[in-house]
Amino acid sequence: MRKTLFLFCLFSFLNGRVEAQLKYLIEDFEGMTEGTSELKSNGVFGFGNVMVQVDQKIHAASPKNAYSGSTCVKVQSLGKGEYGGWGKGSSINVELDATADYFNFYVNYDGQVATKIKIDLQEDDNSDHAYQKEMDDTWWYLHILEVKRGWQLVSIPLNKFKDGNAGGDGTFNVGYKTGKLFSFIMSFPEVDFLKTKHILYFDFISFSKGKLPTGTSIFDPPVPVPDAFCSLGAWSEEGNSANFSNIALAFENNFKPVEKKMGVVHFFQSFAFDGGNNHNHYPSVERINKVIKEGYIPMITLEDHYVNTTAGTKQPNLYSIVEGHFDSFFGYWASQIK
């Protein structure tokens, strides 16, 4: 049996001398309309004694800042209650290392005295796409926001976050297959702060390996060095159908001097390969789990044809698939890899 294996190489490796780098941008508010109309559709929310809106005025004086762009979020305490905050639901998969990664954000605070910001990172440990304190972890950190004119960059090591509830698995393991990042929340625990009116601006919420690197100003990325690079590409190979991850590992070994990790292993599977026309080719859970165990994301394309069959055999067509002739096959196929 021959099978084509396609490896989508999500390489993101820099020269080994670079100790810090941006890993994931969670939100920079770029592209949002000023005001409140697009907050909900982008997963941004406020609660309690706080009003949240998209703002473009504060960045207008310095429009060329690379990290900040032209848009941020404006958070106002209304002076009417004793609790409040804001946050964002995350819709992207992130793979974090609690021993090396940092949570970053920019903040501009108009206060005259220091105040506290409580930051919560919520994990979806049971993969039900909803946060439940009995089943999922919350990791928290209390940051002292100092009085400082203008913008300041806050970078917090993930290993400083503490487990905030009894639910979940008790391990900071935000990843593709473990505790998916559900949301981050910033709240203001000091009642006196919320009972007075304040304005804060936040921007460029991100995760980085090490502290978020900066250049000439805190909004500038570092100046690139001549031998720094990032490679993206794709590579394919036929054969070795029983050992998909071995092909990926062999390819990675060509780049030993640098940190690297292929992201996605993409392989193709037909309806049948035994020469007949009965759709009976189901995925191997064992092989898929092996790919996952090696740290890759498996991607499977189900090809709508029979291979190794005679030339006159009638192949599936789009009409028969759309009309549901293969629904039972698809349903059982999917049940194998839940």
C-alpha atoms as a PDB file:
ATOM      1  CA  MET A   1       0.000   0.000   0.000  1.00  0.00           C
ATOM      2  CA  ARG A   2       1.218   3.456  -0.844  1.00  0.00           C
ATOM      3  CA  LYS A   3      -0.007   6.553   0.822  1.00  0.00           C
ATOM      4  CA  THR A   4       0.961  10.167   0.373  1.00  0.00           C
ATOM      5  CA  LEU A   5       1.944  12.004   3.519  1.00  0.00           C
ATOM      6  CA  PHE A   6       2.036  15.777   3.385  1.00  0.00           C
ATOM      7  CA  LEU A   7       3.812  17.616   6.156  1.00  0.00           C
ATOM      8  CA  PHE A   8       2.817  21.232   6.593  1.00  0.00           C
ATOM      9  CA  CYS A   9       5.838  22.792   8.196  1.00  0.00           C
ATOM     10  CA  LEU A  10       4.904  25.528  10.601  1.00  0.00           C
ATOM     11  CA  PHE A  11       8.498  26.340  11.368  1.00  0.00           C
ATOM     12  CA  SER A  12       9.025  29.386  13.499  1.00  0.00           C
ATOM     13  CA  PHE A  13      12.619  29.232  14.503  1.00  0.00           C
ATOM     14  CA  LEU A  14      15.100  31.982  14.956  1.00  0.00           C
ATOM     15  CA  ASN A  15      18.809  31.915  15.378  1.00  0.00           C
ATOM     16  CA  GLY A  16      19.747  30.349  18.713  1.00  0.00           C
ATOM     17  CA  ARG A  17      21.189  33.638  19.999  1.00  0.00           C
ATOM     18  CA  VAL A  18      17.741  35.231  20.096  1.00  0.00           C
ATOM     19  CA  GLU A  19      16.492  34.578  23.625  1.00  0.00           C
ATOM     20  CA  ALA A  20      13.037  36.149  23.431  1.00  0.00           C
ATOM     21  CA  GLN A  21      10.369  36.334  20.766  1.00  0.00           C
ATOM     22  CA  LEU A  22       6.684  36.995  20.292  1.00  0.00           C
ATOM     23  CA  LYS A  23       4.716  33.730  20.170  1.00  0.00           C
ATOM     24  CA  TYR A  24       0.994  34.565  20.052  1.00  0.00           C
ATOM     25  CA  LEU A  25      -0.901  37.801  19.592  1.00  0.00           C
ATOM     26  CA  ILE A  26      -4.213  37.456  21.414  1.00  0.00           C
ATOM     27  CA  GLU A  27      -5.630  40.914  20.608  1.00  0.00           C
ATOM     28  CA  ASP A  28      -4.354  44.230  19.254  1.00  0.00           C
ATOM     29  CA  PHE A  29      -7.810  45.689  18.386  1.00  0.00           C
ATOM     30  CA  GLU A  30      -6.665  46.655  14.882  1.00  0.00           C
ATOM     31  CA  GLY A  31      -9.455  46.718  12.309  1.00  0.00           C
ATOM     32  CA  MET A  32     -12.177  47.350  14.888  1.00  0.00           C
ATOM     33  CA  THR A  33     -14.466  50.343  14.539  1.00  0.00           C
ATOM     34  CA  GLU A  34     -14.160  52.993  17.239  1.00  0.00           C
ATOM     35  CA  GLY A  35     -16.852  52.647  19.888  1.00  0.00           C
ATOM     36  CA  THR A  36     -18.616  49.515  21.126  1.00  0.00           C
ATOM     37  CA  SER A  37     -20.285  48.046  18.035  1.00  0.00           C
ATOM     38  CA  GLU A  38     -17.645  45.396  17.269  1.00  0.00           C
ATOM     39  CA  LEU A  39     -16.569  44.340  20.755  1.00  0.00           C
ATOM     40  CA  LYS A  40     -18.971  41.413  21.140  1.00  0.00           C
ATOM     41  CA  SER A  41     -18.255  39.951  17.707  1.00  0.00           C
ATOM     42  CA  ASN A  42     -14.542  39.970  18.573  1.00  0.00           C
ATOM     43  CA  GLY A  43     -15.027  38.308  21.950  1.00  0.00           C
ATOM     44  CA  VAL A  44     -14.243  41.423  24.020  1.00  0.00           C
ATOM     45  CA  PHE A  45     -16.458  42.066  27.039  1.00  0.00           C
ATOM     46  CA  GLY A  46     -16.771  44.266  30.101  1.00  0.00           C
ATOM     47  CA  PHE A  47     -18.588  43.673  33.371  1.00  0.00           C
ATOM     48  CA  GLY A  48     -19.594  45.454  36.561  1.00  0.00           C
ATOM     49  CA  ASN A  49     -18.652  49.071  37.154  1.00  0.00           C
ATOM     50  CA  VAL A  50     -16.665  49.372  33.923  1.00  0.00           C
ATOM     51  CA  MET A  51     -17.323  50.629  30.404  1.00  0.00           C
ATOM     52  CA  VAL A  52     -15.236  49.256  27.527  1.00  0.00           C
ATOM     53  CA  GLN A  53     -14.867  50.740  24.049  1.00  0.00           C
ATOM     54  CA  VAL A  54     -12.465  50.741  21.114  1.00  0.00           C
ATOM     55  CA  ASP A  55     -10.356  53.902  20.917  1.00  0.00           C
ATOM     56  CA  GLN A  56      -8.185  55.425  18.180  1.00  0.00           C
ATOM     57  CA  LYS A  57      -7.554  58.882  19.601  1.00  0.00           C
ATOM     58  CA  ILE A  58      -4.751  58.149  22.068  1.00  0.00           C
ATOM     59  CA  HIS A  59      -2.534  56.559  19.400  1.00  0.00           C
ATOM     60  CA  ALA A  60      -3.189  59.343  16.862  1.00  0.00           C
ATOM     61  CA  ALA A  61      -0.176  61.349  18.046  1.00  0.00           C
ATOM     62  CA  SER A  62       2.216  58.481  17.288  1.00  0.00           C
ATOM     63  CA  PRO A  63       0.709  56.457  14.429  1.00  0.00           C
ATOM     64  CA  LYS A  64       3.911  54.621  13.458  1.00  0.00           C
ATOM     65  CA  ASN A  65       4.296  52.519  16.595  1.00  0.00           C
ATOM     66  CA  ALA A  66       4.726  48.982  15.302  1.00  0.00           C
ATOM     67  CA  TYR A  67       3.324  46.988  18.208  1.00  0.00           C
ATOM     68  CA  SER A  68       0.492  49.354  19.082  1.00  0.00           C
ATOM     69  CA  GLY A  69      -0.832  50.228  15.643  1.00  0.00           C
ATOM     70  CA  SER A  70      -3.598  52.823  15.680  1.00  0.00           C
ATOM     71  CA  THR A  71      -6.256  51.177  17.850  1.00  0.00           C
ATOM     72  CA  CYS A  72      -6.532  50.092  21.487  1.00  0.00           C
ATOM     73  CA  VAL A  73      -9.241  49.466  24.072  1.00  0.00           C
ATOM     74  CA  LYS A  74     -10.386  52.152  26.504  1.00  0.00           C
ATOM     75  CA  VAL A  75     -11.557  50.953  29.929  1.00  0.00           C
ATOM     76  CA  GLN A  76     -13.368  53.396  32.229  1.00  0.00           C
ATOM     77  CA  SER A  77     -14.359  52.890  35.856  1.00  0.00           C
ATOM     78  CA  LEU A  78     -17.690  54.630  36.357  1.00  0.00           C
ATOM     79  CA  GLY A  79     -17.507  55.286  40.105  1.00  0.00           C
ATOM     80  CA  LYS A  80     -20.822  53.542  40.801  1.00  0.00           C
ATOM     81  CA  GLY A  81     -19.989  50.056  42.067  1.00  0.00           C
ATOM     82  CA  GLU A  82     -17.550  47.800  43.857  1.00  0.00           C
ATOM     83  CA  TYR A  83     -16.500  45.327  41.173  1.00  0.00           C
ATOM     84  CA  GLY A  84     -15.651  45.449  37.496  1.00  0.00           C
ATOM     85  CA  GLY A  85     -13.272  44.469  34.737  1.00  0.00           C
ATOM     86  CA  TRP A  86     -12.935  43.384  31.150  1.00  0.00           C
ATOM     87  CA  GLY A  87     -11.582  40.499  29.118  1.00  0.00           C
ATOM     88  CA  LYS A  88     -11.626  38.527  25.900  1.00  0.00           C
ATOM     89  CA  GLY A  89     -12.573  35.020  24.901  1.00  0.00           C
ATOM     90  CA  SER A  90      -9.805  33.318  22.949  1.00  0.00           C
ATOM     91  CA  SER A  91     -10.554  31.632  19.628  1.00  0.00           C
ATOM     92  CA  ILE A  92      -7.030  30.543  18.705  1.00  0.00           C
ATOM     93  CA  ASN A  93      -5.021  27.498  19.701  1.00  0.00           C
ATOM     94  CA  VAL A  94      -1.910  28.353  21.670  1.00  0.00           C
ATOM     95  CA  GLU A  95       0.846  26.123  23.019  1.00  0.00           C
ATOM     96  CA  LEU A  96       2.412  27.689  26.100  1.00  0.00           C
ATOM     97  CA  ASP A  97       5.426  26.766  28.195  1.00  0.00           C
ATOM     98  CA  ALA A  98       4.851  27.822  31.799  1.00  0.00           C
ATOM     99  CA  THR A  99       8.586  27.630  32.514  1.00  0.00           C
ATOM    100  CA  ALA A 100       9.667  30.074  29.792  1.00  0.00           C
ATOM    101  CA  ASP A 101       6.726  32.092  28.449  1.00  0.00           C
ATOM    102  CA  TYR A 102       5.335  35.486  29.477  1.00  0.00           C
ATOM    103  CA  PHE A 103       1.940  37.192  29.346  1.00  0.00           C
ATOM    104  CA  ASN A 104       2.282  40.751  27.996  1.00  0.00           C
ATOM    105  CA  PHE A 105       0.168  43.849  27.599  1.00  0.00           C
ATOM    106  CA  TYR A 106       0.560  47.609  27.232  1.00  0.00           C
ATOM    107  CA  VAL A 107      -1.348  49.870  29.603  1.00  0.00           C
ATOM    108  CA  ASN A 108      -1.792  53.625  29.955  1.00  0.00           C
ATOM    109  CA  TYR A 109      -3.139  54.663  33.362  1.00  0.00           C
ATOM    110  CA  ASP A 110      -4.288  58.147  34.400  1.00  0.00           C
ATOM    111  CA  GLY A 111      -4.319  57.582  38.169  1.00  0.00           C
ATOM    112  CA  GLN A 112      -2.420  59.463  40.853  1.00  0.00           C
ATOM    113  CA  VAL A 113      -1.761  56.414  43.057  1.00  0.00           C
ATOM    114  CA  ALA A 114      -0.768  52.843  42.305  1.00  0.00           C
ATOM    115  CA  THR A 115      -3.564  50.303  41.948  1.00  0.00           C
ATOM    116  CA  LYS A 116      -3.946  46.569  41.445  1.00  0.00           C
ATOM    117  CA  ILE A 117      -5.007  44.567  38.409  1.00  0.00           C
ATOM    118  CA  LYS A 118      -6.004  40.932  38.849  1.00  0.00           C
ATOM    119  CA  ILE A 119      -5.327  38.868  35.726  1.00  0.00           C
ATOM    120  CA  ASP A 120      -7.081  35.532  35.209  1.00  0.00           C
ATOM    121  CA  LEU A 121      -6.208  32.996  32.520  1.00  0.00           C
ATOM    122  CA  GLN A 122      -8.953  30.400  32.119  1.00  0.00           C
ATOM    123  CA  GLU A 123      -8.316  26.935  30.680  1.00  0.00           C
ATOM    124  CA  ASP A 124     -10.934  24.746  29.035  1.00  0.00           C
ATOM    125  CA  ASP A 125      -9.590  21.530  30.599  1.00  0.00           C
ATOM    126  CA  ASN A 126     -12.546  19.309  29.654  1.00  0.00           C
ATOM    127  CA  SER A 127     -12.854  20.688  26.083  1.00  0.00           C
ATOM    128  CA  ASP A 128     -16.555  21.545  26.312  1.00  0.00           C
ATOM    129  CA  HIS A 129     -16.035  25.135  25.037  1.00  0.00           C
ATOM    130  CA  ALA A 130     -17.434  26.629  28.239  1.00  0.00           C
ATOM    131  CA  TYR A 131     -15.740  27.634  31.471  1.00  0.00           C
ATOM    132  CA  GLN A 132     -16.888  25.665  34.523  1.00  0.00           C
ATOM    133  CA  LYS A 133     -15.041  26.317  37.763  1.00  0.00           C
ATOM    134  CA  GLU A 134     -15.664  22.726  38.891  1.00  0.00           C
ATOM    135  CA  MET A 135     -14.009  21.275  35.772  1.00  0.00           C
ATOM    136  CA  ASP A 136     -11.571  23.908  34.489  1.00  0.00           C
ATOM    137  CA  ASP A 137      -8.527  25.730  35.843  1.00  0.00           C
ATOM    138  CA  THR A 138      -8.195  29.461  36.464  1.00  0.00           C
ATOM    139  CA  TRP A 139      -4.682  30.881  36.866  1.00  0.00           C
ATOM    140  CA  TRP A 140      -4.346  34.316  38.451  1.00  0.00           C
ATOM    141  CA  TYR A 141      -1.751  36.976  39.077  1.00  0.00           C
ATOM    142  CA  LEU A 142      -2.041  40.266  40.971  1.00  0.00           C
ATOM    143  CA  HIS A 143      -0.123  43.064  39.267  1.00  0.00           C
ATOM    144  CA  ILE A 144       0.680  46.384  40.945  1.00  0.00           C
ATOM    145  CA  LEU A 145       0.104  49.104  38.359  1.00  0.00           C
ATOM    146  CA  GLU A 146       2.488  51.937  39.149  1.00  0.00           C
ATOM    147  CA  VAL A 147       1.853  55.599  38.417  1.00  0.00           C
ATOM    148  CA  LYS A 148       3.769  56.378  35.252  1.00  0.00           C
ATOM    149  CA  ARG A 149       3.169  58.973  32.591  1.00  0.00           C
ATOM    150  CA  GLY A 150       2.176  57.469  29.255  1.00  0.00           C
ATOM    151  CA  TRP A 151       2.321  53.855  28.177  1.00  0.00           C
ATOM    152  CA  GLN A 152       4.054  51.081  30.057  1.00  0.00           C
ATOM    153  CA  LEU A 153       4.766  47.502  29.003  1.00  0.00           C
ATOM    154  CA  VAL A 154       3.867  44.760  31.473  1.00  0.00           C
ATOM    155  CA  SER A 155       5.473  41.317  31.025  1.00  0.00           C
ATOM    156  CA  ILE A 156       4.581  38.622  33.559  1.00  0.00           C
ATOM    157  CA  PRO A 157       6.216  35.167  33.700  1.00  0.00           C
ATOM    158  CA  LEU A 158       3.587  32.441  33.460  1.00  0.00           C
ATOM    159  CA  ASN A 159       5.247  30.607  36.338  1.00  0.00           C
ATOM    160  CA  LYS A 160       4.133  33.481  38.601  1.00  0.00           C
ATOM    161  CA  PHE A 161       0.452  32.694  37.999  1.00  0.00           C
ATOM    162  CA  LYS A 162      -1.264  30.727  40.779  1.00  0.00           C
ATOM    163  CA  ASP A 163      -3.989  28.106  40.613  1.00  0.00           C
ATOM    164  CA  GLY A 164      -7.145  29.958  41.603  1.00  0.00           C
ATOM    165  CA  ASN A 165      -9.706  27.190  42.026  1.00  0.00           C
ATOM    166  CA  ALA A 166     -10.177  23.530  42.929  1.00  0.00           C
ATOM    167  CA  GLY A 167     -11.452  22.537  39.486  1.00  0.00           C
ATOM    168  CA  GLY A 168      -9.467  21.407  36.461  1.00  0.00           C
ATOM    169  CA  ASP A 169      -6.372  19.253  36.512  1.00  0.00           C
ATOM    170  CA  GLY A 170      -4.259  21.620  38.623  1.00  0.00           C
ATOM    171  CA  THR A 171      -1.574  21.916  35.958  1.00  0.00           C
ATOM    172  CA  PHE A 172      -0.759  24.911  33.768  1.00  0.00           C
ATOM    173  CA  ASN A 173      -0.868  23.050  30.484  1.00  0.00           C
ATOM    174  CA  VAL A 174      -2.382  25.387  27.921  1.00  0.00           C
ATOM    175  CA  GLY A 175      -1.925  23.574  24.620  1.00  0.00           C
ATOM    176  CA  TYR A 176      -3.518  22.150  21.509  1.00  0.00           C
ATOM    177  CA  LYS A 177      -4.625  18.912  23.171  1.00  0.00           C
ATOM    178  CA  THR A 178      -4.679  19.829  26.864  1.00  0.00           C
ATOM    179  CA  GLY A 179      -6.161  22.900  28.568  1.00  0.00           C
ATOM    180  CA  LYS A 180      -7.118  25.158  25.693  1.00  0.00           C
ATOM    181  CA  LEU A 181      -6.947  28.861  26.586  1.00  0.00           C
ATOM    182  CA  PHE A 182     -10.565  29.926  27.031  1.00  0.00           C
ATOM    183  CA  SER A 183     -10.197  33.585  27.998  1.00  0.00           C
ATOM    184  CA  PHE A 184      -8.203  36.189  29.860  1.00  0.00           C
ATOM    185  CA  ILE A 185      -9.857  38.580  32.316  1.00  0.00           C
ATOM    186  CA  MET A 186      -8.521  41.754  33.938  1.00  0.00           C
ATOM    187  CA  SER A 187     -10.390  42.983  36.993  1.00  0.00           C
ATOM    188  CA  PHE A 188      -9.845  45.713  39.573  1.00  0.00           C
ATOM    189  CA  PRO A 189     -10.029  44.304  43.120  1.00  0.00           C
ATOM    190  CA  GLU A 190      -9.613  47.600  44.994  1.00  0.00           C
ATOM    191  CA  VAL A 191     -13.023  49.036  45.841  1.00  0.00           C
ATOM    192  CA  ASP A 192     -11.719  52.598  46.276  1.00  0.00           C
ATOM    193  CA  PHE A 193     -10.371  52.513  42.723  1.00  0.00           C
ATOM    194  CA  LEU A 194     -13.752  51.559  41.283  1.00  0.00           C
ATOM    195  CA  LYS A 195     -15.599  54.130  43.374  1.00  0.00           C
ATOM    196  CA  THR A 196     -13.726  56.902  41.577  1.00  0.00           C
ATOM    197  CA  LYS A 197     -13.614  57.571  37.869  1.00  0.00           C
ATOM    198  CA  HIS A 198     -10.509  56.415  36.040  1.00  0.00           C
ATOM    199  CA  ILE A 199      -9.502  55.765  32.440  1.00  0.00           C
ATOM    200  CA  LEU A 200      -7.091  53.050  31.370  1.00  0.00           C
ATOM    201  CA  TYR A 201      -6.030  52.046  27.880  1.00  0.00           C
ATOM    202  CA  PHE A 202      -4.852  48.533  27.011  1.00  0.00           C
ATOM    203  CA  ASP A 203      -3.208  47.233  23.856  1.00  0.00           C
ATOM    204  CA  PHE A 204      -1.315  44.334  22.279  1.00  0.00           C
ATOM    205  CA  ILE A 205      -2.287  41.442  24.551  1.00  0.00           C
ATOM    206  CA  SER A 206       0.194  38.678  23.777  1.00  0.00           C
ATOM    207  CA  PHE A 207       2.295  35.726  24.874  1.00  0.00           C
ATOM    208  CA  SER A 208       6.021  35.571  24.258  1.00  0.00           C
ATOM    209  CA  LYS A 209       8.984  33.342  24.878  1.00  0.00           C
ATOM    210  CA  GLY A 210      10.820  35.396  27.485  1.00  0.00           C
ATOM    211  CA  LYS A 211       9.827  39.017  27.976  1.00  0.00           C
ATOM    212  CA  LEU A 212       8.320  40.650  24.916  1.00  0.00           C
ATOM    213  CA  PRO A 213      11.383  41.994  23.084  1.00  0.00           C
ATOM    214  CA  THR A 214      11.407  45.680  22.183  1.00  0.00           C
ATOM    215  CA  GLY A 215      13.587  48.069  20.219  1.00  0.00           C
ATOM    216  CA  THR A 216      14.226  51.808  20.421  1.00  0.00           C
ATOM    217  CA  SER A 217      10.920  52.442  22.191  1.00  0.00           C
ATOM    218  CA  ILE A 218       8.657  50.054  24.071  1.00  0.00           C
ATOM    219  CA  PHE A 219       6.365  49.912  21.038  1.00  0.00           C
ATOM    220  CA  ASP A 220       9.123  49.016  18.572  1.00  0.00           C
ATOM    221  CA  PRO A 221      10.114  45.417  17.843  1.00  0.00           C
ATOM    222  CA  PRO A 222      13.806  44.617  18.231  1.00  0.00           C
ATOM    223  CA  VAL A 223      16.140  45.484  15.387  1.00  0.00           C
ATOM    224  CA  PRO A 224      16.685  42.305  13.339  1.00  0.00           C
ATOM    225  CA  VAL A 225      20.144  40.809  13.259  1.00  0.00           C
ATOM    226  CA  PRO A 226      21.574  39.622   9.919  1.00  0.00           C
ATOM    227  CA  ASP A 227      21.358  35.920  10.722  1.00  0.00           C
ATOM    228  CA  ALA A 228      17.888  35.919  12.295  1.00  0.00           C
ATOM    229  CA  PHE A 229      15.257  34.207  10.186  1.00  0.00           C
ATOM    230  CA  CYS A 230      11.900  32.476  10.207  1.00  0.00           C
ATOM    231  CA  SER A 231      11.081  29.695   7.772  1.00  0.00           C
ATOM    232  CA  LEU A 232       7.673  28.589   6.575  1.00  0.00           C
ATOM    233  CA  GLY A 233       7.219  25.801   4.092  1.00  0.00           C
ATOM    234  CA  ALA A 234       5.731  22.485   3.139  1.00  0.00           C
ATOM    235  CA  TRP A 235       7.171  19.078   2.325  1.00  0.00           C
ATOM    236  CA  SER A 236       5.626  15.820   1.161  1.00  0.00           C
ATOM    237  CA  GLU A 237       6.671  12.197   0.962  1.00  0.00           C
ATOM    238  CA  GLU A 238       5.090   8.935  -0.140  1.00  0.00           C
ATOM    239  CA  GLY A 239       5.313   5.690   1.770  1.00  0.00           C
ATOM    240  CA  ASN A 240       5.961   4.681   5.372  1.00  0.00           C
ATOM    241  CA  SER A 241       2.225   4.852   5.997  1.00  0.00           C
ATOM    242  CA  ALA A 242       2.484   3.164   9.387  1.00  0.00           C
ATOM    243  CA  ASN A 243       4.940   5.684  10.842  1.00  0.00           C
ATOM    244  CA  PHE A 244       3.851   9.210   9.975  1.00  0.00           C
ATOM    245  CA  SER A 245       5.687  10.794  12.891  1.00  0.00           C
ATOM    246  CA  ASN A 246       8.953   9.067  11.936  1.00  0.00           C
ATOM    247  CA  ILE A 247       8.932  10.924   8.624  1.00  0.00           C
ATOM    248  CA  ALA A 248       8.433  14.226  10.447  1.00  0.00           C
ATOM    249  CA  LEU A 249      11.216  13.509  12.935  1.00  0.00           C
ATOM    250  CA  ALA A 250      13.612  12.538  10.153  1.00  0.00           C
ATOM    251  CA  PHE A 251      12.900  15.795   8.338  1.00  0.00           C
ATOM    252  CA  GLU A 252      13.424  17.873  11.494  1.00  0.00           C
ATOM    253  CA  ASN A 253      16.805  16.261  12.050  1.00  0.00           C
ATOM    254  CA  ASN A 254      18.060  18.136   8.981  1.00  0.00           C
ATOM    255  CA  PHE A 255      17.936  21.327  11.083  1.00  0.00           C
ATOM    256  CA  LYS A 256      19.600  20.271  14.328  1.00  0.00           C
ATOM    257  CA  PRO A 257      21.504  23.535  15.048  1.00  0.00           C
ATOM    258  CA  VAL A 258      18.303  25.520  15.609  1.00  0.00           C
ATOM    259  CA  GLU A 259      15.189  25.206  17.718  1.00  0.00           C
ATOM    260  CA  LYS A 260      12.389  23.895  15.538  1.00  0.00           C
ATOM    261  CA  LYS A 261       9.173  21.987  15.601  1.00  0.00           C
ATOM    262  CA  MET A 262       6.912  21.051  12.761  1.00  0.00           C
ATOM    263  CA  GLY A 263       3.336  22.041  13.517  1.00  0.00           C
ATOM    264  CA  VAL A 264       0.981  19.933  11.412  1.00  0.00           C
ATOM    265  CA  VAL A 265       1.221  16.442   9.970  1.00  0.00           C
ATOM    266  CA  HIS A 266      -1.296  16.247   7.139  1.00  0.00           C
ATOM    267  CA  PHE A 267      -2.125  12.917   5.575  1.00  0.00           C
ATOM    268  CA  PHE A 268      -4.699  11.804   3.031  1.00  0.00           C
ATOM    269  CA  GLN A 269      -7.057   8.853   3.264  1.00  0.00           C
ATOM    270  CA  SER A 270      -9.297   7.492   0.532  1.00  0.00           C
ATOM    271  CA  PHE A 271     -12.711   5.828   0.868  1.00  0.00           C
ATOM    272  CA  ALA A 272     -11.098   2.461   0.141  1.00  0.00           C
ATOM    273  CA  PHE A 273      -7.721   1.153  -1.019  1.00  0.00           C
ATOM    274  CA  ASP A 274      -8.343  -2.596  -1.354  1.00  0.00           C
ATOM    275  CA  GLY A 275      -9.314  -2.478  -5.026  1.00  0.00           C
ATOM    276  CA  GLY A 276     -13.052  -2.602  -4.388  1.00  0.00           C
ATOM    277  CA  ASN A 277     -15.757   0.013  -4.224  1.00  0.00           C
ATOM    278  CA  ASN A 278     -16.972  -0.438  -0.651  1.00  0.00           C
ATOM    279  CA  HIS A 279     -16.190   2.575   1.528  1.00  0.00           C
ATOM    280  CA  ASN A 280     -14.422   0.750   4.336  1.00  0.00           C
ATOM    281  CA  HIS A 281     -11.202   2.645   4.970  1.00  0.00           C
ATOM    282  CA  TYR A 282     -11.277   4.031   8.513  1.00  0.00           C
ATOM    283  CA  PRO A 283      -8.572   5.986  10.349  1.00  0.00           C
ATOM    284  CA  SER A 284      -6.082   4.292  12.620  1.00  0.00           C
ATOM    285  CA  VAL A 285      -6.565   5.792  16.069  1.00  0.00           C
ATOM    286  CA  GLU A 286      -3.264   4.260  17.141  1.00  0.00           C
ATOM    287  CA  ARG A 287      -1.344   6.049  14.378  1.00  0.00           C
ATOM    288  CA  ILE A 288      -3.121   9.348  14.973  1.00  0.00           C
ATOM    289  CA  ASN A 289      -2.363   9.168  18.694  1.00  0.00           C
ATOM    290  CA  LYS A 290       1.265   8.484  17.876  1.00  0.00           C
ATOM    291  CA  VAL A 291       1.413  11.710  15.868  1.00  0.00           C
ATOM    292  CA  ILE A 292      -0.175  13.611  18.771  1.00  0.00           C
ATOM    293  CA  LYS A 293       2.181  12.034  21.305  1.00  0.00           C
ATOM    294  CA  GLU A 294       5.167  13.316  19.321  1.00  0.00           C
ATOM    295  CA  GLY A 295       3.808  16.857  19.657  1.00  0.00           C
ATOM    296  CA  TYR A 296       2.267  17.386  16.198  1.00  0.00           C
ATOM    297  CA  ILE A 297      -1.260  18.328  15.174  1.00  0.00           C
ATOM    298  CA  PRO A 298      -2.775  15.676  12.880  1.00  0.00           C
ATOM    299  CA  MET A 299      -4.735  16.905   9.879  1.00  0.00           C
ATOM    300  CA  ILE A 300      -6.650  14.323   7.840  1.00  0.00           C
ATOM    301  CA  THR A 301      -8.106  14.912   4.390  1.00  0.00           C
ATOM    302  CA  LEU A 302     -10.703  12.302   3.448  1.00  0.00           C
ATOM    303  CA  GLU A 303     -10.386  11.805  -0.323  1.00  0.00           C
ATOM    304  CA  ASP A 304     -13.658  10.898  -2.009  1.00  0.00           C
ATOM    305  CA  HIS A 305     -12.485   8.057  -4.234  1.00  0.00           C
ATOM    306  CA  TYR A 306     -11.479   4.414  -4.284  1.00  0.00           C
ATOM    307  CA  VAL A 307      -7.865   3.601  -5.122  1.00  0.00           C
ATOM    308  CA  ASN A 308      -6.365   0.480  -6.707  1.00  0.00           C
ATOM    309  CA  THR A 309      -9.702  -0.324  -8.308  1.00  0.00           C
ATOM    310  CA  THR A 310     -10.423  -1.171 -11.947  1.00  0.00           C
ATOM    311  CA  ALA A 311     -10.793   1.568 -14.510  1.00  0.00           C
ATOM    312  CA  GLY A 312     -14.511   1.009 -14.971  1.00  0.00           C
ATOM    313  CA  THR A 313     -15.481   1.261 -11.313  1.00  0.00           C
ATOM    314  CA  LYS A 314     -17.945   4.051 -10.583  1.00  0.00           C
ATOM    315  CA  GLN A 315     -16.328   6.568  -8.251  1.00  0.00           C
ATOM    316  CA  PRO A 316     -18.171   8.772  -5.713  1.00  0.00           C
ATOM    317  CA  ASN A 317     -19.160  12.193  -7.027  1.00  0.00           C
ATOM    318  CA  LEU A 318     -20.080  15.484  -5.436  1.00  0.00           C
ATOM    319  CA  TYR A 319     -23.800  14.963  -6.021  1.00  0.00           C
ATOM    320  CA  SER A 320     -23.887  11.641  -4.173  1.00  0.00           C
ATOM    321  CA  ILE A 321     -21.944  13.129  -1.260  1.00  0.00           C
ATOM    322  CA  VAL A 322     -24.130  16.261  -0.998  1.00  0.00           C
ATOM    323  CA  GLU A 323     -27.298  14.145  -1.192  1.00  0.00           C
ATOM    324  CA  GLY A 324     -26.193  12.165   1.836  1.00  0.00           C
ATOM    325  CA  HIS A 325     -25.376   8.812   0.249  1.00  0.00           C
ATOM    326  CA  PHE A 326     -22.227   8.592   2.360  1.00  0.00           C
ATOM    327  CA  ASP A 327     -23.491  10.153   5.600  1.00  0.00           C
ATOM    328  CA  SER A 328     -23.380   6.910   7.564  1.00  0.00           C
ATOM    329  CA  PHE A 329     -19.796   6.340   6.442  1.00  0.00           C
ATOM    330  CA  PHE A 330     -18.775   9.873   7.405  1.00  0.00           C
ATOM    331  CA  GLY A 331     -20.481   9.579  10.785  1.00  0.00           C
ATOM    332  CA  TYR A 332     -18.821   6.300  11.675  1.00  0.00           C
ATOM    333  CA  TRP A 333     -15.489   7.540  10.294  1.00  0.00           C
ATOM    334  CA  ALA A 334     -15.623  10.626  12.516  1.00  0.00           C
ATOM    335  CA  SER A 335     -16.599   8.569  15.564  1.00  0.00           C
ATOM    336  CA  GLN A 336     -13.274   6.742  15.301  1.00  0.00           C
ATOM    337  CA  ILE A 337     -11.277   9.880  16.080  1.00  0.00           C
ATOM    338  CA  LYS A 338     -13.401  11.671  18.685  1.00  0.00           C
END
